[in-house]
Amino acid sequence: MNYYQLYAAWTISFSGIILSIISIAYLGRNFSILADVRGMTIKGPYKYMRHPMYTGYIMAYVGFTLIFLNIFA
């Protein structure tokens, strides 16, 4: 793997981590297990996609898989 591919993989990973953290921050008090406590969040990344936290997790996983060239990374 050359340096450009490695840089792209790290960029994807960190972007996914940052997206997940921002998504949790925008959820605020709605980040709960109980359904009656949760409300609809339509600000921040939730304005553009339905599940940005899961998208961030997937981006981070794909990036780390590319970095370590192992699907179990």
C-alpha atoms as a PDB file:
ATOM      1  CA  MET A   1       0.000   0.000   0.000  1.00  0.00           C
ATOM      2  CA  ASN A   2       1.465   3.347  -0.972  1.00  0.00           C
ATOM      3  CA  TYR A   3       1.313   6.522   1.106  1.00  0.00           C
ATOM      4  CA  TYR A   4      -1.638   8.022  -0.796  1.00  0.00           C
ATOM      5  CA  GLN A   5      -3.802   4.987  -0.139  1.00  0.00           C
ATOM      6  CA  LEU A   6      -2.743   4.925   3.496  1.00  0.00           C
ATOM      7  CA  TYR A   7      -3.518   8.637   3.841  1.00  0.00           C
ATOM      8  CA  ALA A   8      -6.945   8.095   2.256  1.00  0.00           C
ATOM      9  CA  ALA A   9      -7.672   5.193   4.610  1.00  0.00           C
ATOM     10  CA  TRP A  10      -6.711   7.239   7.695  1.00  0.00           C
ATOM     11  CA  THR A  11      -8.832  10.141   6.422  1.00  0.00           C
ATOM     12  CA  ILE A  12     -11.857   7.855   6.037  1.00  0.00           C
ATOM     13  CA  SER A  13     -11.317   6.415   9.527  1.00  0.00           C
ATOM     14  CA  PHE A  14     -10.964   9.744  11.292  1.00  0.00           C
ATOM     15  CA  SER A  15     -13.863  11.242   9.346  1.00  0.00           C
ATOM     16  CA  GLY A  16     -16.058   8.371  10.503  1.00  0.00           C
ATOM     17  CA  ILE A  17     -14.967   8.787  14.120  1.00  0.00           C
ATOM     18  CA  ILE A  18     -15.586  12.538  14.005  1.00  0.00           C
ATOM     19  CA  LEU A  19     -19.015  12.006  12.395  1.00  0.00           C
ATOM     20  CA  SER A  20     -19.961   9.559  15.164  1.00  0.00           C
ATOM     21  CA  ILE A  21     -18.840  11.940  17.917  1.00  0.00           C
ATOM     22  CA  ILE A  22     -20.678  14.895  16.375  1.00  0.00           C
ATOM     23  CA  SER A  23     -23.806  12.757  15.965  1.00  0.00           C
ATOM     24  CA  ILE A  24     -23.765  11.781  19.644  1.00  0.00           C
ATOM     25  CA  ALA A  25     -23.244  15.424  20.608  1.00  0.00           C
ATOM     26  CA  TYR A  26     -26.266  16.520  18.557  1.00  0.00           C
ATOM     27  CA  LEU A  27     -28.421  13.799  20.080  1.00  0.00           C
ATOM     28  CA  GLY A  28     -27.826  15.230  23.550  1.00  0.00           C
ATOM     29  CA  ARG A  29     -30.555  14.033  25.926  1.00  0.00           C
ATOM     30  CA  ASN A  30     -32.138  11.958  23.149  1.00  0.00           C
ATOM     31  CA  PHE A  31     -29.215   9.510  23.347  1.00  0.00           C
ATOM     32  CA  SER A  32     -31.053   6.932  25.448  1.00  0.00           C
ATOM     33  CA  ILE A  33     -32.085   3.303  25.445  1.00  0.00           C
ATOM     34  CA  LEU A  34     -35.624   4.055  26.575  1.00  0.00           C
ATOM     35  CA  ALA A  35     -38.005   4.817  23.719  1.00  0.00           C
ATOM     36  CA  ASP A  36     -40.235   7.162  25.715  1.00  0.00           C
ATOM     37  CA  VAL A  37     -37.291   9.467  26.525  1.00  0.00           C
ATOM     38  CA  ARG A  38     -36.137   9.837  22.942  1.00  0.00           C
ATOM     39  CA  GLY A  39     -37.400  12.497  20.602  1.00  0.00           C
ATOM     40  CA  MET A  40     -36.839  13.338  16.954  1.00  0.00           C
ATOM     41  CA  THR A  41     -33.536  15.091  16.233  1.00  0.00           C
ATOM     42  CA  ILE A  42     -33.478  17.128  13.022  1.00  0.00           C
ATOM     43  CA  LYS A  43     -30.387  19.282  13.563  1.00  0.00           C
ATOM     44  CA  GLY A  44     -26.752  18.786  12.626  1.00  0.00           C
ATOM     45  CA  PRO A  45     -25.905  15.642  10.673  1.00  0.00           C
ATOM     46  CA  TYR A  46     -29.412  14.262  11.314  1.00  0.00           C
ATOM     47  CA  LYS A  47     -30.709  16.973   8.985  1.00  0.00           C
ATOM     48  CA  TYR A  48     -28.946  15.281   6.037  1.00  0.00           C
ATOM     49  CA  MET A  49     -29.090  11.553   6.850  1.00  0.00           C
ATOM     50  CA  ARG A  50     -31.140   9.269   9.027  1.00  0.00           C
ATOM     51  CA  HIS A  51     -28.395   7.371  10.878  1.00  0.00           C
ATOM     52  CA  PRO A  52     -25.163   9.392  10.852  1.00  0.00           C
ATOM     53  CA  MET A  53     -23.764   7.606  13.910  1.00  0.00           C
ATOM     54  CA  TYR A  54     -23.985   4.219  12.173  1.00  0.00           C
ATOM     55  CA  THR A  55     -22.564   5.756   9.004  1.00  0.00           C
ATOM     56  CA  GLY A  56     -19.601   7.032  11.030  1.00  0.00           C
ATOM     57  CA  TYR A  57     -19.043   3.592  12.540  1.00  0.00           C
ATOM     58  CA  ILE A  58     -19.070   1.982   9.098  1.00  0.00           C
ATOM     59  CA  MET A  59     -16.674   4.612   7.713  1.00  0.00           C
ATOM     60  CA  ALA A  60     -14.267   4.036  10.609  1.00  0.00           C
ATOM     61  CA  TYR A  61     -14.454   0.262  10.168  1.00  0.00           C
ATOM     62  CA  VAL A  62     -13.830   0.472   6.411  1.00  0.00           C
ATOM     63  CA  GLY A  63     -10.889   2.832   6.954  1.00  0.00           C
ATOM     64  CA  PHE A  64      -9.269   0.620   9.576  1.00  0.00           C
ATOM     65  CA  THR A  65      -9.825  -2.436   7.389  1.00  0.00           C
ATOM     66  CA  LEU A  66      -7.984  -0.685   4.550  1.00  0.00           C
ATOM     67  CA  ILE A  67      -5.180   0.417   6.871  1.00  0.00           C
ATOM     68  CA  PHE A  68      -4.505  -3.007   8.344  1.00  0.00           C
ATOM     69  CA  LEU A  69      -5.640  -4.979   5.239  1.00  0.00           C
ATOM     70  CA  ASN A  70      -7.575  -7.299   7.495  1.00  0.00           C
ATOM     71  CA  ILE A  71     -11.359  -7.596   7.680  1.00  0.00           C
ATOM     72  CA  PHE A  72     -11.141  -8.446  11.401  1.00  0.00           C
ATOM     73  CA  ALA A  73      -9.268  -5.223  12.297  1.00  0.00           C
END
